[in-house]
Amino acid sequence: MRDALGAVQSALVVGGRSEIAGALVERLRRDRPLRAVLGVRDPHAPDELRFDALDRASHAAFVDDAFANGDIDLVVMAAGVLGDQALDEKDADATVELIETNFVGLVSVLVPIAERLRTQGHGAIVVLSSVAAERPRRANFVYGSSKAGLDAFSQGLGDALVGSGVDVLVVRAGFVRTKMTAGRPEAPFATTPEAVAEEIVRGLRRRAHTIWVPSRLRLVMAVVRVLPRPLFRLLRT
């Protein structure tokens, strides 16, 4: 349970090697000591549990293990892949695998995690979505559609948890400089994992349901959402 000042004392990170999630854990540890459990595909450390988004049969046991040592204050849903649009749009297996990784696999653990948090009566879930979820573009519609599904599900889950003591924060970040985006052309308003972590902490403090990082993207996407399709198709990044 959070301490008397509201600081997070325990966290579960699904996708524990995410640089954004790592920056968030380090940011939270500036406030107080934090017990963090990391869900990763290939665990090598005592604080790591095996999590494979595509192995849905293992997800119930993963959630049991994550909560085995007591309550969890914060769950960060950070697992995901960018994929390769040029390949994915022509290869059904690649497309389905990306969508199962970014959407179906996370929903598979989000449901039992939400029930655990509802039972304990407190907690917060941070879901790393993307601005790509708001209106997937030609250049990334496979990835964008996977994030759109996760975003919509998480928004609905947050509504379903109102009054339970559990909050859901959806993070719509733009281009973040990480190993996953290395070598790709930077989009406007590119940011860092540390900046995203700082905005997440601010969002948690005010119990926001959605944040855009950087915040100016909220206005940008408000325009993008209503662009006529012929103009929208001209967007290349």
C-alpha atoms as a PDB file:
ATOM      1  CA  MET A   1       0.000   0.000   0.000  1.00  0.00           C
ATOM      2  CA  ARG A   2       1.186   3.557  -0.664  1.00  0.00           C
ATOM      3  CA  ASP A   3       2.729   5.280   2.329  1.00  0.00           C
ATOM      4  CA  ALA A   4       1.176   8.164   4.278  1.00  0.00           C
ATOM      5  CA  LEU A   5       2.482  10.653   1.700  1.00  0.00           C
ATOM      6  CA  GLY A   6       1.051   8.689  -1.208  1.00  0.00           C
ATOM      7  CA  ALA A   7       4.370   7.349  -2.488  1.00  0.00           C
ATOM      8  CA  VAL A   8       4.358   4.021  -4.313  1.00  0.00           C
ATOM      9  CA  GLN A   9       6.028   1.217  -2.323  1.00  0.00           C
ATOM     10  CA  SER A  10       5.626  -1.734  -4.726  1.00  0.00           C
ATOM     11  CA  ALA A  11       5.389  -2.032  -8.488  1.00  0.00           C
ATOM     12  CA  LEU A  12       4.918  -4.715 -11.120  1.00  0.00           C
ATOM     13  CA  VAL A  13       6.314  -3.958 -14.570  1.00  0.00           C
ATOM     14  CA  VAL A  14       4.977  -6.087 -17.407  1.00  0.00           C
ATOM     15  CA  GLY A  15       7.694  -5.635 -19.989  1.00  0.00           C
ATOM     16  CA  GLY A  16      10.396  -5.079 -17.422  1.00  0.00           C
ATOM     17  CA  ARG A  17      13.160  -4.208 -19.878  1.00  0.00           C
ATOM     18  CA  SER A  18      11.274  -1.261 -21.320  1.00  0.00           C
ATOM     19  CA  GLU A  19      13.428   1.853 -21.055  1.00  0.00           C
ATOM     20  CA  ILE A  20      10.395   3.989 -20.240  1.00  0.00           C
ATOM     21  CA  ALA A  21       9.350   1.637 -17.453  1.00  0.00           C
ATOM     22  CA  GLY A  22      12.927   1.528 -16.176  1.00  0.00           C
ATOM     23  CA  ALA A  23      13.069   5.312 -16.054  1.00  0.00           C
ATOM     24  CA  LEU A  24       9.747   5.327 -14.187  1.00  0.00           C
ATOM     25  CA  VAL A  25      11.008   2.857 -11.566  1.00  0.00           C
ATOM     26  CA  GLU A  26      14.127   4.969 -11.031  1.00  0.00           C
ATOM     27  CA  ARG A  27      12.025   8.131 -10.769  1.00  0.00           C
ATOM     28  CA  LEU A  28       9.757   6.544  -8.157  1.00  0.00           C
ATOM     29  CA  ARG A  29      12.779   5.413  -6.161  1.00  0.00           C
ATOM     30  CA  ARG A  30      13.766   9.048  -5.723  1.00  0.00           C
ATOM     31  CA  ASP A  31      10.705   9.426  -3.480  1.00  0.00           C
ATOM     32  CA  ARG A  32      11.167   6.291  -1.361  1.00  0.00           C
ATOM     33  CA  PRO A  33      12.491   2.711  -1.515  1.00  0.00           C
ATOM     34  CA  LEU A  34      10.509   0.686  -4.017  1.00  0.00           C
ATOM     35  CA  ARG A  35       9.998  -3.069  -4.384  1.00  0.00           C
ATOM     36  CA  ALA A  36       9.801  -3.739  -8.100  1.00  0.00           C
ATOM     37  CA  VAL A  37       8.856  -7.025  -9.778  1.00  0.00           C
ATOM     38  CA  LEU A  38       9.772  -7.192 -13.446  1.00  0.00           C
ATOM     39  CA  GLY A  39       8.019  -9.405 -15.961  1.00  0.00           C
ATOM     40  CA  VAL A  40      10.476 -10.255 -18.756  1.00  0.00           C
ATOM     41  CA  ARG A  41      10.697 -12.890 -21.463  1.00  0.00           C
ATOM     42  CA  ASP A  42      13.982 -14.373 -20.208  1.00  0.00           C
ATOM     43  CA  PRO A  43      14.465 -13.765 -16.467  1.00  0.00           C
ATOM     44  CA  HIS A  44      17.986 -13.646 -15.082  1.00  0.00           C
ATOM     45  CA  ALA A  45      17.578 -11.849 -11.749  1.00  0.00           C
ATOM     46  CA  PRO A  46      15.698 -12.536  -8.489  1.00  0.00           C
ATOM     47  CA  ASP A  47      13.280  -9.664  -9.095  1.00  0.00           C
ATOM     48  CA  GLU A  48      12.354 -10.961 -12.563  1.00  0.00           C
ATOM     49  CA  LEU A  49       9.485 -13.266 -13.519  1.00  0.00           C
ATOM     50  CA  ARG A  50       8.966 -14.883 -16.890  1.00  0.00           C
ATOM     51  CA  PHE A  51       6.415 -13.061 -19.022  1.00  0.00           C
ATOM     52  CA  ASP A  52       5.809 -13.875 -22.663  1.00  0.00           C
ATOM     53  CA  ALA A  53       2.871 -11.994 -24.169  1.00  0.00           C
ATOM     54  CA  LEU A  54       2.316 -14.776 -26.692  1.00  0.00           C
ATOM     55  CA  ASP A  55       2.214 -17.547 -24.058  1.00  0.00           C
ATOM     56  CA  ARG A  56      -1.275 -16.897 -22.734  1.00  0.00           C
ATOM     57  CA  ALA A  57      -1.409 -20.254 -20.927  1.00  0.00           C
ATOM     58  CA  SER A  58       1.274 -18.989 -18.533  1.00  0.00           C
ATOM     59  CA  HIS A  59      -0.375 -15.682 -17.670  1.00  0.00           C
ATOM     60  CA  ALA A  60      -2.483 -16.825 -14.717  1.00  0.00           C
ATOM     61  CA  ALA A  61       0.596 -18.253 -12.998  1.00  0.00           C
ATOM     62  CA  PHE A  62       2.526 -15.081 -13.792  1.00  0.00           C
ATOM     63  CA  VAL A  63      -0.081 -12.953 -12.016  1.00  0.00           C
ATOM     64  CA  ASP A  64      -0.153 -15.341  -9.032  1.00  0.00           C
ATOM     65  CA  ASP A  65       3.633 -15.130  -8.712  1.00  0.00           C
ATOM     66  CA  ALA A  66       3.650 -11.337  -9.074  1.00  0.00           C
ATOM     67  CA  PHE A  67       1.259 -10.914  -6.138  1.00  0.00           C
ATOM     68  CA  ALA A  68       2.722 -13.756  -4.055  1.00  0.00           C
ATOM     69  CA  ASN A  69       4.620 -11.420  -1.722  1.00  0.00           C
ATOM     70  CA  GLY A  70       1.815  -8.989  -0.984  1.00  0.00           C
ATOM     71  CA  ASP A  71      -0.086  -6.070  -2.436  1.00  0.00           C
ATOM     72  CA  ILE A  72       1.088  -4.230  -5.534  1.00  0.00           C
ATOM     73  CA  ASP A  73       0.582  -0.448  -5.577  1.00  0.00           C
ATOM     74  CA  LEU A  74       1.399   0.171  -9.216  1.00  0.00           C
ATOM     75  CA  VAL A  75       1.285  -1.972 -12.349  1.00  0.00           C
ATOM     76  CA  VAL A  76       3.027  -0.729 -15.488  1.00  0.00           C
ATOM     77  CA  MET A  77       1.982  -2.318 -18.775  1.00  0.00           C
ATOM     78  CA  ALA A  78       5.064  -1.689 -20.903  1.00  0.00           C
ATOM     79  CA  ALA A  79       5.499  -4.792 -23.067  1.00  0.00           C
ATOM     80  CA  GLY A  80       5.337  -4.276 -26.801  1.00  0.00           C
ATOM     81  CA  VAL A  81       7.110  -4.227 -30.152  1.00  0.00           C
ATOM     82  CA  LEU A  82       7.203  -1.730 -33.028  1.00  0.00           C
ATOM     83  CA  GLY A  83       7.286  -4.329 -35.771  1.00  0.00           C
ATOM     84  CA  ASP A  84       8.179  -3.693 -39.395  1.00  0.00           C
ATOM     85  CA  GLN A  85       5.330  -2.046 -41.275  1.00  0.00           C
ATOM     86  CA  ALA A  86       6.646  -2.948 -44.725  1.00  0.00           C
ATOM     87  CA  LEU A  87       6.748  -6.633 -43.754  1.00  0.00           C
ATOM     88  CA  ASP A  88       3.758  -6.765 -41.429  1.00  0.00           C
ATOM     89  CA  GLU A  89       1.178  -5.380 -43.858  1.00  0.00           C
ATOM     90  CA  LYS A  90       2.019  -8.152 -46.349  1.00  0.00           C
ATOM     91  CA  ASP A  91       2.505 -11.056 -43.922  1.00  0.00           C
ATOM     92  CA  ALA A  92      -0.581 -12.137 -42.011  1.00  0.00           C
ATOM     93  CA  ASP A  93       1.405 -14.166 -39.484  1.00  0.00           C
ATOM     94  CA  ALA A  94       3.657 -11.195 -38.669  1.00  0.00           C
ATOM     95  CA  THR A  95       0.648  -8.898 -38.337  1.00  0.00           C
ATOM     96  CA  VAL A  96      -1.209 -11.244 -36.028  1.00  0.00           C
ATOM     97  CA  GLU A  97       1.893 -11.812 -33.888  1.00  0.00           C
ATOM     98  CA  LEU A  98       2.376  -8.074 -33.417  1.00  0.00           C
ATOM     99  CA  ILE A  99      -1.269  -7.534 -32.481  1.00  0.00           C
ATOM    100  CA  GLU A 100      -1.204 -10.492 -30.094  1.00  0.00           C
ATOM    101  CA  THR A 101       1.971  -9.139 -28.488  1.00  0.00           C
ATOM    102  CA  ASN A 102       0.854  -5.515 -28.122  1.00  0.00           C
ATOM    103  CA  PHE A 103      -2.853  -6.016 -27.473  1.00  0.00           C
ATOM    104  CA  VAL A 104      -4.183  -9.522 -26.866  1.00  0.00           C
ATOM    105  CA  GLY A 105      -1.276 -10.648 -24.685  1.00  0.00           C
ATOM    106  CA  LEU A 106      -1.527  -7.570 -22.480  1.00  0.00           C
ATOM    107  CA  VAL A 107      -5.295  -7.835 -22.117  1.00  0.00           C
ATOM    108  CA  SER A 108      -4.752 -11.457 -21.090  1.00  0.00           C
ATOM    109  CA  VAL A 109      -2.899 -10.291 -17.959  1.00  0.00           C
ATOM    110  CA  LEU A 110      -4.678  -6.953 -17.497  1.00  0.00           C
ATOM    111  CA  VAL A 111      -7.960  -8.654 -16.637  1.00  0.00           C
ATOM    112  CA  PRO A 112      -6.636 -10.809 -13.743  1.00  0.00           C
ATOM    113  CA  ILE A 113      -4.360  -7.989 -12.569  1.00  0.00           C
ATOM    114  CA  ALA A 114      -7.303  -5.607 -12.402  1.00  0.00           C
ATOM    115  CA  GLU A 115      -9.258  -8.144 -10.380  1.00  0.00           C
ATOM    116  CA  ARG A 116      -6.349  -8.513  -7.931  1.00  0.00           C
ATOM    117  CA  LEU A 117      -6.173  -4.750  -7.499  1.00  0.00           C
ATOM    118  CA  ARG A 118      -9.948  -4.506  -7.117  1.00  0.00           C
ATOM    119  CA  THR A 119      -9.843  -7.166  -4.398  1.00  0.00           C
ATOM    120  CA  GLN A 120      -7.059  -5.432  -2.487  1.00  0.00           C
ATOM    121  CA  GLY A 121      -8.979  -2.143  -2.784  1.00  0.00           C
ATOM    122  CA  HIS A 122      -6.202   0.108  -4.056  1.00  0.00           C
ATOM    123  CA  GLY A 123      -3.660   0.503  -6.808  1.00  0.00           C
ATOM    124  CA  ALA A 124      -2.990   2.101 -10.158  1.00  0.00           C
ATOM    125  CA  ILE A 125      -2.353   0.729 -13.634  1.00  0.00           C
ATOM    126  CA  VAL A 126      -0.211   2.648 -16.111  1.00  0.00           C
ATOM    127  CA  VAL A 127      -0.675   1.569 -19.721  1.00  0.00           C
ATOM    128  CA  LEU A 128       1.905   2.681 -22.270  1.00  0.00           C
ATOM    129  CA  SER A 129      -0.170   3.470 -25.334  1.00  0.00           C
ATOM    130  CA  SER A 130       0.944   5.807 -28.124  1.00  0.00           C
ATOM    131  CA  VAL A 131      -0.233   8.802 -30.109  1.00  0.00           C
ATOM    132  CA  ALA A 132      -0.342   6.286 -32.956  1.00  0.00           C
ATOM    133  CA  ALA A 133      -3.411   4.807 -31.255  1.00  0.00           C
ATOM    134  CA  GLU A 134      -5.539   7.891 -31.843  1.00  0.00           C
ATOM    135  CA  ARG A 135      -5.543   7.666 -35.634  1.00  0.00           C
ATOM    136  CA  PRO A 136      -3.180   5.084 -37.129  1.00  0.00           C
ATOM    137  CA  ARG A 137      -1.376   6.426 -40.200  1.00  0.00           C
ATOM    138  CA  ARG A 138      -0.401   4.703 -43.430  1.00  0.00           C
ATOM    139  CA  ALA A 139       3.192   4.491 -42.228  1.00  0.00           C
ATOM    140  CA  ASN A 140       2.376   2.561 -39.049  1.00  0.00           C
ATOM    141  CA  PHE A 141      -1.189   1.283 -39.163  1.00  0.00           C
ATOM    142  CA  VAL A 142      -0.320  -2.228 -37.982  1.00  0.00           C
ATOM    143  CA  TYR A 143       1.434  -0.976 -34.847  1.00  0.00           C
ATOM    144  CA  GLY A 144      -1.090   1.844 -34.463  1.00  0.00           C
ATOM    145  CA  SER A 145      -4.057  -0.500 -34.628  1.00  0.00           C
ATOM    146  CA  SER A 146      -2.549  -2.727 -31.928  1.00  0.00           C
ATOM    147  CA  LYS A 147      -2.108   0.295 -29.672  1.00  0.00           C
ATOM    148  CA  ALA A 148      -5.593   1.557 -30.536  1.00  0.00           C
ATOM    149  CA  GLY A 149      -7.070  -1.704 -29.267  1.00  0.00           C
ATOM    150  CA  LEU A 150      -5.045  -1.573 -26.062  1.00  0.00           C
ATOM    151  CA  ASP A 151      -5.880   2.098 -25.559  1.00  0.00           C
ATOM    152  CA  ALA A 152      -9.626   1.565 -25.980  1.00  0.00           C
ATOM    153  CA  PHE A 153      -9.642  -1.463 -23.701  1.00  0.00           C
ATOM    154  CA  SER A 154      -7.680   0.389 -21.004  1.00  0.00           C
ATOM    155  CA  GLN A 155      -9.965   3.407 -21.143  1.00  0.00           C
ATOM    156  CA  GLY A 156     -12.972   1.142 -20.660  1.00  0.00           C
ATOM    157  CA  LEU A 157     -11.231  -0.754 -17.878  1.00  0.00           C
ATOM    158  CA  GLY A 158     -10.581   2.506 -16.095  1.00  0.00           C
ATOM    159  CA  ASP A 159     -14.279   3.352 -16.291  1.00  0.00           C
ATOM    160  CA  ALA A 160     -15.190  -0.098 -14.994  1.00  0.00           C
ATOM    161  CA  LEU A 161     -12.888   0.351 -11.983  1.00  0.00           C
ATOM    162  CA  VAL A 162     -14.293   3.702 -10.859  1.00  0.00           C
ATOM    163  CA  GLY A 163     -15.143   3.489  -7.153  1.00  0.00           C
ATOM    164  CA  SER A 164     -12.929   0.455  -6.551  1.00  0.00           C
ATOM    165  CA  GLY A 165      -9.880   2.394  -5.379  1.00  0.00           C
ATOM    166  CA  VAL A 166      -8.027   1.461  -8.576  1.00  0.00           C
ATOM    167  CA  ASP A 167      -7.026   4.029 -11.202  1.00  0.00           C
ATOM    168  CA  VAL A 168      -5.978   3.474 -14.811  1.00  0.00           C
ATOM    169  CA  LEU A 169      -3.642   5.963 -16.518  1.00  0.00           C
ATOM    170  CA  VAL A 170      -3.217   5.696 -20.289  1.00  0.00           C
ATOM    171  CA  VAL A 171       0.008   7.253 -21.592  1.00  0.00           C
ATOM    172  CA  ARG A 172      -0.073   8.453 -25.194  1.00  0.00           C
ATOM    173  CA  ALA A 173       3.562   9.221 -25.910  1.00  0.00           C
ATOM    174  CA  GLY A 174       5.021  10.383 -29.180  1.00  0.00           C
ATOM    175  CA  PHE A 175       8.425   9.399 -30.509  1.00  0.00           C
ATOM    176  CA  VAL A 176      10.637   8.352 -27.579  1.00  0.00           C
ATOM    177  CA  ARG A 177      14.391   7.981 -28.001  1.00  0.00           C
ATOM    178  CA  THR A 178      15.022   4.362 -26.980  1.00  0.00           C
ATOM    179  CA  LYS A 179      16.843   1.323 -28.302  1.00  0.00           C
ATOM    180  CA  MET A 180      13.575   0.256 -29.934  1.00  0.00           C
ATOM    181  CA  THR A 181      13.422   3.434 -32.042  1.00  0.00           C
ATOM    182  CA  ALA A 182      17.167   3.701 -32.699  1.00  0.00           C
ATOM    183  CA  GLY A 183      17.916   4.255 -36.373  1.00  0.00           C
ATOM    184  CA  ARG A 184      14.396   5.420 -37.214  1.00  0.00           C
ATOM    185  CA  PRO A 185      13.758   8.995 -38.399  1.00  0.00           C
ATOM    186  CA  GLU A 186      12.692  11.137 -35.448  1.00  0.00           C
ATOM    187  CA  ALA A 187       9.156  12.477 -35.482  1.00  0.00           C
ATOM    188  CA  PRO A 188       8.413  16.028 -34.304  1.00  0.00           C
ATOM    189  CA  PHE A 189       8.406  16.556 -30.518  1.00  0.00           C
ATOM    190  CA  ALA A 190      10.692  13.568 -29.859  1.00  0.00           C
ATOM    191  CA  THR A 191      11.300  12.987 -26.159  1.00  0.00           C
ATOM    192  CA  THR A 192      13.197  10.770 -23.699  1.00  0.00           C
ATOM    193  CA  PRO A 193      12.224   7.940 -21.319  1.00  0.00           C
ATOM    194  CA  GLU A 194      13.063  10.193 -18.366  1.00  0.00           C
ATOM    195  CA  ALA A 195      10.708  12.912 -19.582  1.00  0.00           C
ATOM    196  CA  VAL A 196       7.924  10.373 -20.064  1.00  0.00           C
ATOM    197  CA  ALA A 197       8.532   9.007 -16.548  1.00  0.00           C
ATOM    198  CA  GLU A 198       8.265  12.480 -15.057  1.00  0.00           C
ATOM    199  CA  GLU A 199       4.947  13.088 -16.795  1.00  0.00           C
ATOM    200  CA  ILE A 200       3.636   9.724 -15.623  1.00  0.00           C
ATOM    201  CA  VAL A 201       4.435  10.608 -12.012  1.00  0.00           C
ATOM    202  CA  ARG A 202       2.581  13.912 -12.427  1.00  0.00           C
ATOM    203  CA  GLY A 203      -0.362  12.083 -13.970  1.00  0.00           C
ATOM    204  CA  LEU A 204      -0.499   9.582 -11.113  1.00  0.00           C
ATOM    205  CA  ARG A 205      -0.445  12.354  -8.539  1.00  0.00           C
ATOM    206  CA  ARG A 206      -3.471  14.068 -10.032  1.00  0.00           C
ATOM    207  CA  ARG A 207      -5.191  10.734 -10.809  1.00  0.00           C
ATOM    208  CA  ALA A 208      -5.452  11.533 -14.501  1.00  0.00           C
ATOM    209  CA  HIS A 209      -6.983   8.975 -16.853  1.00  0.00           C
ATOM    210  CA  THR A 210      -4.981  10.004 -19.961  1.00  0.00           C
ATOM    211  CA  ILE A 211      -1.804  11.978 -20.612  1.00  0.00           C
ATOM    212  CA  TRP A 212       0.026  12.970 -23.787  1.00  0.00           C
ATOM    213  CA  VAL A 213       3.817  13.188 -23.744  1.00  0.00           C
ATOM    214  CA  PRO A 214       4.872  15.816 -24.538  1.00  0.00           C
ATOM    215  CA  SER A 215       1.634  17.546 -23.577  1.00  0.00           C
ATOM    216  CA  ARG A 216       1.499  19.650 -26.771  1.00  0.00           C
ATOM    217  CA  LEU A 217       0.708  16.449 -28.683  1.00  0.00           C
ATOM    218  CA  ARG A 218      -2.797  16.615 -27.246  1.00  0.00           C
ATOM    219  CA  LEU A 219      -3.496  19.686 -29.387  1.00  0.00           C
ATOM    220  CA  VAL A 220      -1.666  18.253 -32.391  1.00  0.00           C
ATOM    221  CA  MET A 221      -3.713  15.063 -32.285  1.00  0.00           C
ATOM    222  CA  ALA A 222      -6.942  17.017 -31.840  1.00  0.00           C
ATOM    223  CA  VAL A 223      -6.235  18.460 -35.291  1.00  0.00           C
ATOM    224  CA  VAL A 224      -5.011  15.176 -36.785  1.00  0.00           C
ATOM    225  CA  ARG A 225      -8.184  13.372 -35.675  1.00  0.00           C
ATOM    226  CA  VAL A 226     -10.402  15.662 -37.787  1.00  0.00           C
ATOM    227  CA  LEU A 227      -8.217  16.006 -40.874  1.00  0.00           C
ATOM    228  CA  PRO A 228     -10.078  15.009 -44.048  1.00  0.00           C
ATOM    229  CA  ARG A 229      -8.752  11.673 -45.237  1.00  0.00           C
ATOM    230  CA  PRO A 230      -7.098  13.011 -48.420  1.00  0.00           C
ATOM    231  CA  LEU A 231      -5.008  15.365 -46.236  1.00  0.00           C
ATOM    232  CA  PHE A 232      -4.459  12.722 -43.588  1.00  0.00           C
ATOM    233  CA  ARG A 233      -2.996  10.378 -46.195  1.00  0.00           C
ATOM    234  CA  LEU A 234      -0.253  12.923 -46.872  1.00  0.00           C
ATOM    235  CA  LEU A 235       1.192  12.386 -43.380  1.00  0.00           C
ATOM    236  CA  ARG A 236       4.297  10.227 -43.820  1.00  0.00           C
ATOM    237  CA  THR A 237       5.811  10.074 -40.315  1.00  0.00           C
END
